[in-house]
Amino acid sequence: MSGFILFILILIPQEVLPQEENYSKIYELGGITITAKRIELIPNQIIEINLKDLQNRGVSTVGQALRFTPSIYMRIGRKGENRIEIFGIEQREIVVMSDGHPIYCPYEGGSDLDLIPLDNISKIEVALPPVSLLHGANSLGGVVNIVSKKYAKCASMGFSEGMSMNSVVNYGDKLGDLFYYLTYGISKSSGYPLPDGTIRENSDYYKRRYTGKIGWEVNSTTEFGISAANYWNEKGIPPGLTNPKYWRFTDWKWQYIAIHGKTELSQKLKFKGSGFYDTHKNTLISYEDSTYTDKEWVSDYDNNTTGAYMTVSLKSGKFNTSLGGSFKIDRVNIEKSEESKREHRGQTVSLSIQEKILIPILRMHLQGEVGYDGFSGTESLIHCINYRAGGVFLIDTENTLSFSIGKKTRFPTLKELYSPSSGNPDLFSEGSMSYQFGINLRPIKMVFFLNNITNLIDLENRYTNYENLNWARLQGFSISGEYKFFTLNYTYLDAYTESYEALNNRPKNSLNFGFNYEFNFGLSTNLNSSWIDRRKDGDDYLKPYTLIDANISQKIDEFVTIQLGCFNITNEWYEEEMGYPLAGRTFNVKFLVNLEGGNI
């Protein structure tokens, strides 16, 4: 169906389609930063991956897009899920947002970033810890915000090895004060190839998604928008090479509806807010063997989240005060049989106040925050006070020094509290003291960080219940630079527990290199290389590996582009979890059509 729609779009006469210089308006209602020009005045470091970067990398999901980002390590877990770490802090301690509202499975508290395609995304914002308290609870490890396009007219279809296909159609426009945007996409694969030429067992998937948006620009300072999405997937979970489990998600649904709005009652008083309802309904089946016919058990997960965020900003002279408030209610129903049906519920509330002050004579911008976070679960009640302080010193218009210190909390997930196999209802919340010092001397950026995490929630091993394992320390630095066609970033991470044992799945050294060059006849070449040091995995260590990806795109005319790419050029055998090998050399081709001209 999507191929037919693509064919129709190509046939539409171009004179019917209005040409517009900004071909993919950013949905500013969904951003966590004010504008790109103001990022330098935020004490903690924020990384933006823009639309051009996303296209040059030739990637198709959010998880893949974050692989070569400084300070971030992306890995694929035992269930085939794509997760990230920021400064070594795991994704369960990171808030992932879509247009400013959190997205996650309420039971596990995480998101599989490989299930979020780049179909209608304009940029990705990454706030490194300690982040603002205005972002709400549980952002101990930072914030990743996925900002959609406001509207665009484009389509793409791609193919790769493993009988993989990805196609999508985006269509939207502005009609006076109104705007709208619709997306339909399908992705499917029979599995990814291993370096030995075989197809990885049970690595197939089928994904289908619909997204839509409608908005009203009342005036230059007031805007409202409603967005909705429906994702449906079926996917296999590749078994481990030792002690394999034969699992499949036969039904994986994610749906949400969100309302966003902003307004200025005056130049000094501004409001911005959102409300959302998010559901996850998943069916996980365990089979007896690799034939995937005889079932051992069936587990149905029915999760939903309801919540809202609000920020009020008041400017008075050199002072700028912001008040933030948020709440969310998580509901989880898990059923393996009528006898084992369980229902759990958790409520989280956050209130915060932020004060900013400009001191022009000292070329400084100072910021302070204090906030309250509270969580009430089926049997748990946890309260805490958090705070954050930071500042920016402007060396000149382009170069800055910054510092940020903050205390933050992460409440236990409903799985950690109430899982029948590993839950512990007596868990305390995790806490962190985070320190960050940034040096921005263009074209070089450096970030020094130290994160002390107390009451760390984890398993002693895979056969015990969750416990608070006292504390962990994650410290190091990240340096990144850009010169003409080259980018380079390196991260050093020292992560260990109170017994000075290295934390699992944290590479001590990681290095990324990129090369991108555009010719004046429409050819763009992109090369990305990533070296990851060895990582502790239980009682063993995973070997270091190097990945090299290449992507070439050629504009056929103003509206059509063809891309050729190769992932893992050297066909390296590598694992990010012991016994779970990942894709070898994979070639792909993609056709892109942008009916407004320019990039997709």
Protein backbone atom coordinates (compact mmCIF):
# COMPACT_ATOMS: atom_id res chain seq x y z
CA MET A 1 0.00 0.00 0.00
CA SER A 2 2.78 2.44 0.93
CA GLY A 3 4.49 1.75 -2.39
CA PHE A 4 1.30 2.67 -4.24
CA ILE A 5 1.02 5.91 -2.24
CA LEU A 6 4.64 6.71 -3.05
CA PHE A 7 3.91 6.21 -6.76
CA ILE A 8 0.91 8.54 -6.56
CA LEU A 9 2.95 11.22 -4.78
CA ILE A 10 5.59 11.10 -7.52
CA LEU A 11 2.93 11.65 -10.15
CA ILE A 12 1.45 14.75 -8.50
CA PRO A 13 2.22 17.76 -10.71
CA GLN A 14 4.85 19.87 -9.00
CA GLU A 15 3.11 23.15 -9.79
CA VAL A 16 0.24 22.02 -7.56
CA LEU A 17 2.59 21.76 -4.58
CA PRO A 18 3.60 25.06 -2.99
CA GLN A 19 7.36 25.46 -2.71
CA GLU A 20 8.54 26.55 0.72
CA GLU A 21 12.03 27.37 1.84
CA ASN A 22 11.66 25.56 5.17
CA TYR A 23 10.66 22.12 3.96
CA SER A 24 10.26 20.48 7.39
CA LYS A 25 9.06 22.89 10.05
CA ILE A 26 10.17 21.89 13.53
CA TYR A 27 7.30 21.23 15.95
CA GLU A 28 8.56 23.76 18.51
CA LEU A 29 5.74 22.85 20.91
CA GLY A 30 7.58 19.55 21.45
CA GLY A 31 11.04 21.01 22.19
CA ILE A 32 12.75 21.20 25.58
CA THR A 33 15.06 24.06 24.53
CA ILE A 34 13.83 27.54 23.68
CA THR A 35 15.78 28.01 20.47
CA ALA A 36 19.12 26.73 19.25
CA LYS A 37 20.66 30.16 19.86
CA ARG A 38 19.90 29.96 23.57
CA ILE A 39 21.51 26.56 24.22
CA GLU A 40 24.80 28.26 25.18
CA LEU A 41 23.02 29.90 28.15
CA ILE A 42 21.92 26.58 29.66
CA PRO A 43 24.37 25.40 32.35
CA ASN A 44 24.33 21.71 31.49
CA GLN A 45 25.40 20.52 28.06
CA ILE A 46 22.72 19.82 25.45
CA ILE A 47 23.42 17.91 22.23
CA GLU A 48 21.22 18.42 19.19
CA ILE A 49 21.14 15.98 16.29
CA ASN A 50 19.47 17.87 13.46
CA LEU A 51 17.64 16.64 10.40
CA LYS A 52 20.68 16.87 8.14
CA ASP A 53 22.78 14.79 10.53
CA LEU A 54 20.05 12.14 10.68
CA GLN A 55 19.90 11.90 6.90
CA ASN A 56 23.68 11.83 6.43
CA ARG A 57 24.03 8.88 8.80
CA GLY A 58 21.62 6.83 6.71
CA VAL A 59 19.90 5.42 9.80
CA SER A 60 16.25 4.56 10.23
CA THR A 61 15.59 4.46 14.01
CA VAL A 62 16.28 6.69 17.01
CA GLY A 63 18.56 4.10 18.58
CA GLN A 64 20.74 3.92 15.48
CA ALA A 65 20.86 7.72 15.26
CA LEU A 66 22.35 7.97 18.77
CA ARG A 67 25.16 5.44 18.18
CA PHE A 68 27.81 8.00 17.16
CA THR A 69 26.81 10.72 19.66
CA PRO A 70 29.41 11.90 22.21
CA SER A 71 28.86 10.81 25.85
CA ILE A 72 26.34 8.16 24.71
CA TYR A 73 26.86 4.40 24.40
CA MET A 74 24.17 2.49 22.51
CA ARG A 75 23.76 -1.25 22.99
CA ILE A 76 21.31 -4.01 22.08
CA GLY A 77 20.15 -6.18 24.97
CA ARG A 78 19.10 -9.78 25.41
CA LYS A 79 15.53 -9.11 24.26
CA GLY A 80 16.76 -7.39 21.09
CA GLU A 81 15.90 -3.98 22.57
CA ASN A 82 17.93 -0.94 21.59
CA ARG A 83 19.01 1.03 24.67
CA ILE A 84 21.42 3.83 25.49
CA GLU A 85 23.63 4.92 28.38
CA ILE A 86 24.59 8.54 29.10
CA PHE A 87 27.83 8.93 31.09
CA GLY A 88 27.39 5.21 31.85
CA ILE A 89 23.93 5.76 33.41
CA GLU A 90 21.41 3.22 32.11
CA GLN A 91 18.31 4.07 30.11
CA ARG A 92 15.93 3.11 32.94
CA GLU A 93 17.35 6.21 34.70
CA ILE A 94 16.96 8.40 31.60
CA VAL A 95 13.69 10.06 30.60
CA VAL A 96 12.87 9.52 26.91
CA MET A 97 10.31 11.96 25.52
CA SER A 98 8.41 12.41 22.31
CA ASP A 99 7.57 16.07 21.72
CA GLY A 100 8.07 16.82 25.40
CA HIS A 101 5.98 14.04 26.98
CA PRO A 102 7.57 10.84 28.38
CA ILE A 103 7.30 7.58 26.46
CA TYR A 104 8.04 4.27 28.15
CA CYS A 105 6.54 0.93 29.12
CA PRO A 106 5.11 1.64 32.61
CA TYR A 107 6.01 -1.84 33.90
CA GLU A 108 9.71 -1.83 32.96
CA GLY A 109 10.21 1.94 32.83
CA GLY A 110 12.13 1.87 29.55
CA SER A 111 11.71 2.36 25.80
CA ASP A 112 13.07 0.29 22.94
CA LEU A 113 14.56 3.05 20.78
CA ASP A 114 14.82 0.70 17.80
CA LEU A 115 11.02 0.66 17.62
CA ILE A 116 10.87 4.44 17.12
CA PRO A 117 11.51 5.22 13.42
CA LEU A 118 12.81 8.50 12.06
CA ASP A 119 9.85 8.85 9.69
CA ASN A 120 8.66 12.25 10.88
CA ILE A 121 11.45 13.44 13.18
CA SER A 122 13.08 16.86 12.77
CA LYS A 123 15.73 16.63 15.51
CA ILE A 124 16.77 14.80 18.68
CA GLU A 125 17.71 16.73 21.83
CA VAL A 126 19.93 15.11 24.48
CA ALA A 127 20.32 16.87 27.85
CA LEU A 128 23.29 15.54 29.82
CA PRO A 129 22.96 15.18 33.63
CA PRO A 130 22.31 16.94 35.90
CA VAL A 131 19.27 18.19 33.99
CA SER A 132 16.66 20.77 34.91
CA LEU A 133 14.08 19.77 37.51
CA LEU A 134 11.43 21.23 35.18
CA HIS A 135 11.67 18.00 33.16
CA GLY A 136 10.01 16.09 36.00
CA ALA A 137 10.94 13.01 38.01
CA ASN A 138 13.26 10.11 37.19
CA SER A 139 15.63 12.07 34.90
CA LEU A 140 18.65 11.13 37.03
CA GLY A 141 20.62 10.12 33.92
CA GLY A 142 19.48 12.85 31.53
CA VAL A 143 16.74 13.48 28.98
CA VAL A 144 16.35 12.42 25.35
CA ASN A 145 13.61 14.34 23.55
CA ILE A 146 12.49 13.33 20.05
CA VAL A 147 11.02 16.34 18.25
CA SER A 148 8.75 15.72 15.27
CA LYS A 149 8.29 17.75 12.12
CA LYS A 150 5.47 20.23 12.04
CA TYR A 151 4.57 19.23 8.51
CA ALA A 152 6.28 18.06 5.32
CA LYS A 153 5.61 16.30 2.02
CA CYS A 154 8.00 13.42 1.54
CA ALA A 155 8.22 9.65 1.10
CA SER A 156 10.89 6.98 1.14
CA MET A 157 11.36 3.30 0.40
CA GLY A 158 14.40 1.29 1.36
CA PHE A 159 15.67 -2.28 1.02
CA SER A 160 18.50 -4.14 2.72
CA GLU A 161 19.83 -7.66 3.16
CA GLY A 162 17.75 -10.16 5.08
CA MET A 163 14.75 -9.37 2.86
CA SER A 164 14.29 -6.16 4.81
CA MET A 165 12.08 -3.32 3.61
CA ASN A 166 11.13 0.06 5.05
CA SER A 167 8.65 2.41 3.41
CA VAL A 168 6.96 5.54 4.65
CA VAL A 169 4.79 8.35 3.36
CA ASN A 170 4.56 11.76 5.08
CA TYR A 171 2.10 14.42 4.02
CA GLY A 172 1.23 17.66 5.70
CA ASP A 173 0.71 21.34 5.02
CA LYS A 174 -0.35 24.66 6.46
CA LEU A 175 -3.83 26.01 5.75
CA GLY A 176 -4.01 29.56 7.02
CA ASP A 177 -3.58 29.40 10.79
CA LEU A 178 -3.98 25.59 10.82
CA PHE A 179 -1.44 22.90 10.07
CA TYR A 180 -1.65 19.10 9.80
CA TYR A 181 0.68 16.16 9.30
CA LEU A 182 0.04 12.45 8.58
CA THR A 183 2.50 9.55 8.43
CA TYR A 184 2.07 5.94 7.40
CA GLY A 185 4.91 3.44 7.40
CA ILE A 186 5.71 -0.27 7.15
CA SER A 187 8.96 -2.05 8.00
CA LYS A 188 9.61 -5.77 7.78
CA SER A 189 12.54 -8.15 7.78
CA SER A 190 13.16 -11.89 7.72
CA GLY A 191 16.14 -11.35 10.02
CA TYR A 192 19.61 -9.81 10.03
CA PRO A 193 22.69 -11.54 8.60
CA LEU A 194 25.54 -12.62 10.86
CA PRO A 195 29.20 -12.24 9.78
CA ASP A 196 29.31 -15.97 8.90
CA GLY A 197 26.58 -15.44 6.30
CA THR A 198 23.72 -17.09 8.18
CA ILE A 199 20.53 -15.30 9.23
CA ARG A 200 20.22 -14.75 12.98
CA GLU A 201 17.61 -17.08 14.40
CA ASN A 202 14.27 -15.46 15.31
CA SER A 203 15.44 -11.93 14.42
CA ASP A 204 12.57 -11.18 12.03
CA TYR A 205 10.05 -8.39 12.56
CA TYR A 206 7.03 -6.67 11.07
CA LYS A 207 6.25 -3.07 12.05
CA ARG A 208 3.39 -0.80 11.07
CA ARG A 209 2.73 2.75 12.26
CA TYR A 210 0.29 5.60 11.80
CA THR A 211 0.91 9.06 13.22
CA GLY A 212 -1.01 12.29 12.88
CA LYS A 213 -0.93 15.86 14.04
CA ILE A 214 -3.15 18.91 13.78
CA GLY A 215 -2.45 22.35 15.16
CA TRP A 216 -3.58 25.93 15.34
CA GLU A 217 -1.25 28.94 15.27
CA VAL A 218 -3.47 31.49 16.94
CA ASN A 219 -0.85 34.22 16.67
CA SER A 220 2.93 34.64 16.92
CA THR A 221 2.93 33.78 20.64
CA THR A 222 0.06 31.29 21.01
CA GLU A 223 -0.10 27.82 19.50
CA PHE A 224 -1.89 24.53 20.18
CA GLY A 225 -1.42 21.05 18.77
CA ILE A 226 -2.84 17.54 19.09
CA SER A 227 -0.81 14.51 18.02
CA ALA A 228 -1.60 10.80 18.03
CA ALA A 229 0.23 7.62 17.08
CA ASN A 230 -0.48 3.94 16.62
CA TYR A 231 2.43 1.47 16.45
CA TRP A 232 1.93 -2.26 15.94
CA ASN A 233 4.79 -4.74 15.81
CA GLU A 234 5.48 -8.43 15.75
CA LYS A 235 9.06 -9.43 16.41
CA GLY A 236 11.23 -12.31 17.41
CA ILE A 237 13.77 -12.25 20.22
CA PRO A 238 16.99 -13.96 19.09
CA PRO A 239 17.93 -16.73 21.58
CA GLY A 240 21.26 -16.76 23.35
CA LEU A 241 23.91 -19.13 22.05
CA THR A 242 24.02 -20.74 25.52
CA ASN A 243 20.90 -21.47 27.61
CA PRO A 244 18.61 -20.12 24.86
CA LYS A 245 15.08 -18.87 25.46
CA TYR A 246 12.66 -19.11 22.57
CA TRP A 247 10.56 -15.96 22.92
CA ARG A 248 8.47 -13.89 20.54
CA PHE A 249 6.39 -10.75 20.85
CA THR A 250 3.41 -11.82 18.75
CA ASP A 251 1.61 -8.58 19.51
CA TRP A 252 3.35 -5.33 20.51
CA LYS A 253 1.13 -2.25 20.48
CA TRP A 254 1.91 1.31 21.46
CA GLN A 255 -0.63 4.10 21.14
CA TYR A 256 -0.74 7.63 22.45
CA ILE A 257 -2.55 10.91 22.16
CA ALA A 258 -1.00 14.17 23.37
CA ILE A 259 -2.07 17.79 23.58
CA HIS A 260 0.49 20.61 23.54
CA GLY A 261 0.09 24.34 23.98
CA LYS A 262 1.94 27.55 24.67
CA THR A 263 0.94 31.17 25.08
CA GLU A 264 2.28 34.51 26.24
CA LEU A 265 -0.09 36.69 28.23
CA SER A 266 2.57 39.40 28.03
CA GLN A 267 6.26 39.69 27.24
CA LYS A 268 6.92 38.77 30.87
CA LEU A 269 4.46 35.92 31.45
CA LYS A 270 4.57 32.67 29.44
CA PHE A 271 2.81 29.30 29.73
CA LYS A 272 3.73 25.99 28.14
CA GLY A 273 2.10 22.63 28.83
CA SER A 274 1.11 19.19 27.60
CA GLY A 275 -1.19 16.36 28.52
CA PHE A 276 -0.95 12.77 27.32
CA TYR A 277 -2.46 9.29 27.44
CA ASP A 278 -0.12 6.45 26.49
CA THR A 279 -0.88 2.70 26.25
CA HIS A 280 1.26 -0.42 25.74
CA LYS A 281 -0.37 -3.78 25.11
CA ASN A 282 2.08 -6.61 24.53
CA THR A 283 1.84 -10.38 24.24
CA LEU A 284 5.04 -12.32 24.92
CA ILE A 285 5.08 -16.06 24.21
CA SER A 286 7.70 -18.53 25.41
CA TYR A 287 8.07 -21.65 23.24
CA GLU A 288 9.52 -25.02 24.15
CA ASP A 289 12.09 -25.17 21.35
CA SER A 290 13.37 -23.51 18.17
CA THR A 291 10.40 -24.69 16.12
CA TYR A 292 8.33 -21.95 17.83
CA THR A 293 5.17 -24.07 17.80
CA ASP A 294 4.55 -25.53 21.28
CA LYS A 295 3.96 -22.83 23.89
CA GLU A 296 5.32 -22.93 27.45
CA TRP A 297 3.47 -19.84 28.61
CA VAL A 298 1.80 -16.67 27.33
CA SER A 299 2.22 -13.35 29.14
CA ASP A 300 -0.09 -10.44 28.39
CA TYR A 301 0.99 -6.94 29.45
CA ASP A 302 -1.60 -4.16 29.47
CA ASN A 303 0.01 -0.85 30.52
CA ASN A 304 -1.16 2.74 30.33
CA THR A 305 0.04 6.12 31.55
CA THR A 306 -1.89 9.37 32.01
CA GLY A 307 -0.10 12.59 32.77
CA ALA A 308 0.47 16.29 32.26
CA TYR A 309 3.31 18.84 32.35
CA MET A 310 3.08 22.60 32.90
CA THR A 311 5.69 25.37 33.00
CA VAL A 312 5.01 29.02 33.85
CA SER A 313 7.75 31.60 33.24
CA LEU A 314 7.79 35.10 34.68
CA LYS A 315 10.45 37.65 33.71
CA SER A 316 11.22 40.64 35.93
CA GLY A 317 14.25 42.75 35.11
CA LYS A 318 17.37 40.58 35.17
CA PHE A 319 15.49 37.76 36.90
CA ASN A 320 13.53 34.99 35.21
CA THR A 321 11.44 32.68 37.37
CA SER A 322 9.94 29.40 36.14
CA LEU A 323 7.48 27.17 37.96
CA GLY A 324 7.12 23.57 36.84
CA GLY A 325 4.63 20.88 37.74
CA SER A 326 3.91 17.39 36.44
CA PHE A 327 2.07 14.24 37.39
CA LYS A 328 1.58 10.83 35.87
CA ILE A 329 -0.36 7.73 36.79
CA ASP A 330 0.97 4.32 35.67
CA ARG A 331 -1.33 1.30 35.54
CA VAL A 332 -0.10 -2.22 34.80
CA ASN A 333 -2.04 -5.45 34.28
CA ILE A 334 -0.02 -8.65 33.78
CA GLU A 335 -1.64 -12.00 33.05
CA LYS A 336 -0.03 -15.38 32.39
CA SER A 337 -3.21 -17.19 33.41
CA GLU A 338 -6.41 -16.42 35.29
CA GLU A 339 -4.66 -17.53 38.50
CA SER A 340 -1.66 -15.24 37.99
CA LYS A 341 -3.38 -12.00 36.98
CA ARG A 342 -1.84 -9.00 38.72
CA GLU A 343 -2.68 -5.31 38.77
CA HIS A 344 -0.34 -2.55 39.94
CA ARG A 345 -0.53 1.22 40.00
CA GLY A 346 1.96 4.01 40.64
CA GLN A 347 1.56 7.79 40.88
CA THR A 348 4.36 10.31 40.48
CA VAL A 349 4.16 14.05 41.24
CA SER A 350 6.83 16.72 40.71
CA LEU A 351 6.90 20.42 41.63
CA SER A 352 9.85 22.74 41.04
CA ILE A 353 10.92 26.36 40.92
CA GLN A 354 13.79 27.70 38.86
CA GLU A 355 15.44 31.11 39.13
CA LYS A 356 17.71 32.61 36.45
CA ILE A 357 19.71 35.77 36.67
CA LEU A 358 21.88 37.57 34.13
CA ILE A 359 24.92 39.48 35.39
CA PRO A 360 26.09 41.41 32.31
CA ILE A 361 29.03 43.07 34.02
CA LEU A 362 30.50 39.63 34.81
CA ARG A 363 29.31 38.07 31.53
CA MET A 364 27.57 35.38 33.56
CA HIS A 365 24.25 33.60 33.57
CA LEU A 366 23.35 31.84 36.85
CA GLN A 367 20.57 29.36 37.49
CA GLY A 368 19.21 27.69 40.62
CA GLU A 369 16.40 25.19 41.18
CA VAL A 370 14.70 23.31 43.98
CA GLY A 371 11.94 20.74 43.63
CA TYR A 372 9.82 18.04 45.23
CA ASP A 373 9.28 14.55 43.79
CA GLY A 374 6.82 12.06 45.25
CA PHE A 375 5.87 8.49 44.32
CA SER A 376 3.08 6.31 45.68
CA GLY A 377 2.75 2.71 44.51
CA THR A 378 0.58 -0.21 45.50
CA GLU A 379 2.58 -0.61 48.73
CA SER A 380 5.21 2.14 48.46
CA LEU A 381 5.32 5.82 49.43
CA ILE A 382 8.50 7.78 48.68
CA HIS A 383 9.19 11.53 48.95
CA CYS A 384 12.34 13.55 48.27
CA ILE A 385 13.66 17.08 47.78
CA ASN A 386 16.02 17.72 44.86
CA TYR A 387 18.02 20.74 43.77
CA ARG A 388 20.33 21.99 41.07
CA ALA A 389 22.59 25.00 40.54
CA GLY A 390 24.70 26.07 37.60
CA GLY A 391 26.14 28.90 35.62
CA VAL A 392 27.58 29.94 32.28
CA PHE A 393 30.47 32.33 31.74
CA LEU A 394 30.58 33.91 28.27
CA ILE A 395 34.17 34.22 27.06
CA ASP A 396 32.83 35.79 23.87
CA THR A 397 29.81 35.37 21.61
CA GLU A 398 30.75 31.79 20.65
CA ASN A 399 32.84 30.39 23.54
CA THR A 400 31.66 29.56 27.06
CA LEU A 401 32.53 27.86 30.31
CA SER A 402 29.76 26.19 32.30
CA PHE A 403 29.18 24.22 35.48
CA SER A 404 26.24 22.36 36.95
CA ILE A 405 25.66 20.57 40.26
CA GLY A 406 22.49 18.70 41.07
CA LYS A 407 20.76 16.16 43.29
CA LYS A 408 18.25 13.94 41.53
CA THR A 409 16.08 10.87 42.24
CA ARG A 410 14.90 7.84 40.30
CA PHE A 411 11.95 5.92 41.74
CA PRO A 412 11.82 2.12 41.37
CA THR A 413 9.77 0.79 38.48
CA LEU A 414 6.68 -1.35 39.00
CA LYS A 415 8.69 -4.33 37.73
CA GLU A 416 11.44 -3.75 40.29
CA LEU A 417 8.82 -3.47 43.01
CA TYR A 418 6.35 -6.21 42.09
CA SER A 419 7.81 -8.67 39.55
CA PRO A 420 6.75 -12.19 40.73
CA SER A 421 10.24 -13.52 39.99
CA SER A 422 12.50 -10.65 41.14
CA GLY A 423 10.41 -7.85 42.69
CA ASN A 424 11.12 -6.22 46.04
CA PRO A 425 8.38 -3.91 47.45
CA ASP A 426 10.80 -2.57 50.09
CA LEU A 427 13.10 -0.80 47.63
CA PHE A 428 14.23 2.77 48.23
CA SER A 429 14.56 5.31 45.44
CA GLU A 430 17.93 5.79 43.77
CA GLY A 431 19.63 9.11 44.38
CA SER A 432 22.47 10.89 42.63
CA MET A 433 24.79 13.81 43.13
CA SER A 434 25.96 14.91 39.70
CA TYR A 435 28.69 17.37 38.78
CA GLN A 436 29.39 18.66 35.28
CA PHE A 437 31.92 21.15 33.98
CA GLY A 438 31.82 22.17 30.32
CA ILE A 439 34.31 23.95 28.10
CA ASN A 440 33.04 25.19 24.77
CA LEU A 441 35.92 26.58 22.69
CA ARG A 442 34.65 26.18 19.17
CA PRO A 443 35.19 23.92 17.36
CA ILE A 444 36.06 21.84 20.48
CA LYS A 445 33.76 20.93 23.35
CA MET A 446 34.79 19.17 26.55
CA VAL A 447 32.61 17.87 29.36
CA PHE A 448 33.96 16.60 32.67
CA PHE A 449 31.46 14.64 34.75
CA LEU A 450 31.08 12.89 38.08
CA ASN A 451 27.95 11.02 39.14
CA ASN A 452 27.63 9.42 42.57
CA ILE A 453 24.58 7.13 42.68
CA THR A 454 23.31 5.87 46.03
CA ASN A 455 20.85 3.03 46.68
CA LEU A 456 21.56 1.74 43.16
CA ILE A 457 18.78 -0.70 42.18
CA ASP A 458 20.02 -3.84 40.47
CA LEU A 459 20.21 -7.64 40.65
CA GLU A 460 23.11 -9.37 42.39
CA ASN A 461 22.71 -11.95 39.61
CA ARG A 462 19.97 -13.09 37.27
CA TYR A 463 18.43 -15.38 39.89
CA THR A 464 17.93 -12.94 42.79
CA ASN A 465 15.47 -10.17 43.64
CA TYR A 466 16.16 -6.49 43.00
CA GLU A 467 18.07 -4.81 45.80
CA ASN A 468 19.51 -1.42 46.70
CA LEU A 469 23.22 -2.09 46.18
CA ASN A 470 24.49 0.94 48.10
CA TRP A 471 26.42 3.17 45.70
CA ALA A 472 28.21 3.46 42.37
CA ARG A 473 30.51 6.12 40.95
CA LEU A 474 30.62 7.09 37.27
CA GLN A 475 33.22 9.65 36.32
CA GLY A 476 35.19 10.72 33.28
CA PHE A 477 35.20 13.19 30.45
CA SER A 478 34.06 13.59 26.87
CA ILE A 479 35.71 15.64 24.14
CA SER A 480 34.28 16.35 20.70
CA GLY A 481 35.38 18.47 17.80
CA GLU A 482 34.47 19.36 14.27
CA TYR A 483 36.72 20.66 11.51
CA LYS A 484 35.54 21.12 7.93
CA PHE A 485 34.44 17.62 6.84
CA PHE A 486 35.58 15.75 9.96
CA THR A 487 34.04 15.06 13.36
CA LEU A 488 35.69 13.26 16.25
CA ASN A 489 34.55 12.47 19.77
CA TYR A 490 36.05 10.44 22.58
CA THR A 491 34.60 9.45 25.96
CA TYR A 492 36.48 8.10 28.95
CA LEU A 493 34.35 6.45 31.63
CA ASP A 494 35.39 4.97 34.96
CA ALA A 495 32.36 3.22 36.48
CA TYR A 496 32.57 1.07 39.59
CA THR A 497 30.71 -0.03 42.71
CA GLU A 498 31.56 0.46 46.40
CA SER A 499 33.67 -2.70 46.24
CA TYR A 500 35.57 -1.12 43.31
CA GLU A 501 34.24 -3.67 40.84
CA ALA A 502 33.56 -2.41 37.33
CA LEU A 503 29.89 -1.96 36.46
CA ASN A 504 28.55 -4.20 33.71
CA ASN A 505 28.21 -3.03 30.11
CA ARG A 506 30.20 0.20 30.50
CA PRO A 507 33.10 0.65 28.08
CA LYS A 508 36.01 2.53 29.66
CA ASN A 509 36.95 4.05 26.30
CA SER A 510 34.85 4.82 23.23
CA LEU A 511 35.86 6.72 20.12
CA ASN A 512 33.76 7.92 17.18
CA PHE A 513 35.01 9.35 13.91
CA GLY A 514 32.94 10.86 11.12
CA PHE A 515 33.59 12.20 7.65
CA ASN A 516 31.00 13.98 5.56
CA TYR A 517 31.51 15.80 2.28
CA GLU A 518 28.97 17.23 -0.13
CA PHE A 519 29.80 17.86 -3.77
CA ASN A 520 28.19 20.70 -5.68
CA PHE A 521 26.52 18.26 -8.11
CA GLY A 522 24.32 16.71 -5.39
CA LEU A 523 26.54 13.85 -4.18
CA SER A 524 26.97 13.46 -0.43
CA THR A 525 29.37 10.99 1.18
CA ASN A 526 29.28 9.98 4.83
CA LEU A 527 31.57 7.64 6.78
CA ASN A 528 31.18 6.85 10.48
CA SER A 529 33.46 4.69 12.58
CA SER A 530 33.02 3.67 16.20
CA TRP A 531 35.51 1.86 18.47
CA ILE A 532 34.18 0.43 21.74
CA ASP A 533 36.51 -0.85 24.44
CA ARG A 534 35.94 -4.16 26.23
CA ARG A 535 33.03 -4.28 28.70
CA LYS A 536 32.43 -6.34 31.82
CA ASP A 537 29.56 -8.83 31.52
CA GLY A 538 29.09 -10.77 34.74
CA ASP A 539 32.27 -12.75 35.43
CA ASP A 540 33.62 -12.26 31.93
CA TYR A 541 34.52 -9.46 29.52
CA LEU A 542 33.18 -8.75 26.05
CA LYS A 543 35.81 -8.12 23.41
CA PRO A 544 36.33 -4.60 22.02
CA TYR A 545 35.02 -3.97 18.53
CA THR A 546 35.13 -1.46 15.69
CA LEU A 547 32.16 -0.66 13.47
CA ILE A 548 32.47 1.23 10.19
CA ASP A 549 29.38 2.43 8.35
CA ALA A 550 29.21 4.26 5.02
CA ASN A 551 26.39 6.09 3.30
CA ILE A 552 26.34 7.76 -0.13
CA SER A 553 23.42 9.83 -1.40
CA GLN A 554 22.91 11.37 -4.81
CA LYS A 555 20.23 13.88 -5.73
CA ILE A 556 18.66 12.82 -9.00
CA ASP A 557 16.82 16.12 -9.28
CA GLU A 558 15.38 18.69 -6.92
CA PHE A 559 12.89 16.23 -5.47
CA VAL A 560 14.39 12.72 -5.68
CA THR A 561 17.44 11.31 -3.86
CA ILE A 562 18.92 7.82 -3.87
CA GLN A 563 21.02 6.48 -0.97
CA LEU A 564 23.40 3.53 -0.89
CA GLY A 565 24.70 2.35 2.45
CA CYS A 566 26.72 -0.36 4.12
CA PHE A 567 26.65 -1.20 7.82
CA ASN A 568 29.62 -2.96 9.46
CA ILE A 569 31.83 -2.77 6.38
CA THR A 570 34.56 -4.96 7.90
CA ASN A 571 32.00 -7.68 8.73
CA GLU A 572 33.15 -7.78 12.35
CA TRP A 573 31.69 -10.33 14.76
CA TYR A 574 30.68 -8.41 17.86
CA GLU A 575 28.39 -8.73 20.87
CA GLU A 576 26.93 -6.21 23.28
CA GLU A 577 25.57 -8.99 25.51
CA MET A 578 27.43 -12.28 25.98
CA GLY A 579 26.16 -14.91 23.54
CA TYR A 580 24.04 -12.49 21.48
CA PRO A 581 25.91 -11.74 18.21
CA LEU A 582 24.78 -8.77 16.12
CA ALA A 583 24.55 -7.96 12.42
CA GLY A 584 27.48 -8.42 10.07
CA ARG A 585 28.05 -6.55 6.83
CA THR A 586 24.71 -5.32 5.51
CA PHE A 587 24.03 -3.38 2.31
CA ASN A 588 20.99 -1.20 1.79
CA VAL A 589 19.46 1.10 -0.78
CA LYS A 590 16.86 3.81 -0.22
CA PHE A 591 14.82 6.06 -2.50
CA LEU A 592 13.65 9.38 -1.07
CA VAL A 593 11.15 11.81 -2.50
CA ASN A 594 10.67 15.30 -1.07
CA LEU A 595 7.94 17.19 -2.85
CA GLU A 596 9.11 20.50 -1.37
CA GLY A 597 12.72 20.11 -2.50
CA GLY A 598 15.81 19.66 -0.34
CA ASN A 599 16.43 16.92 2.21
CA ILE A 600 13.82 14.61 3.68
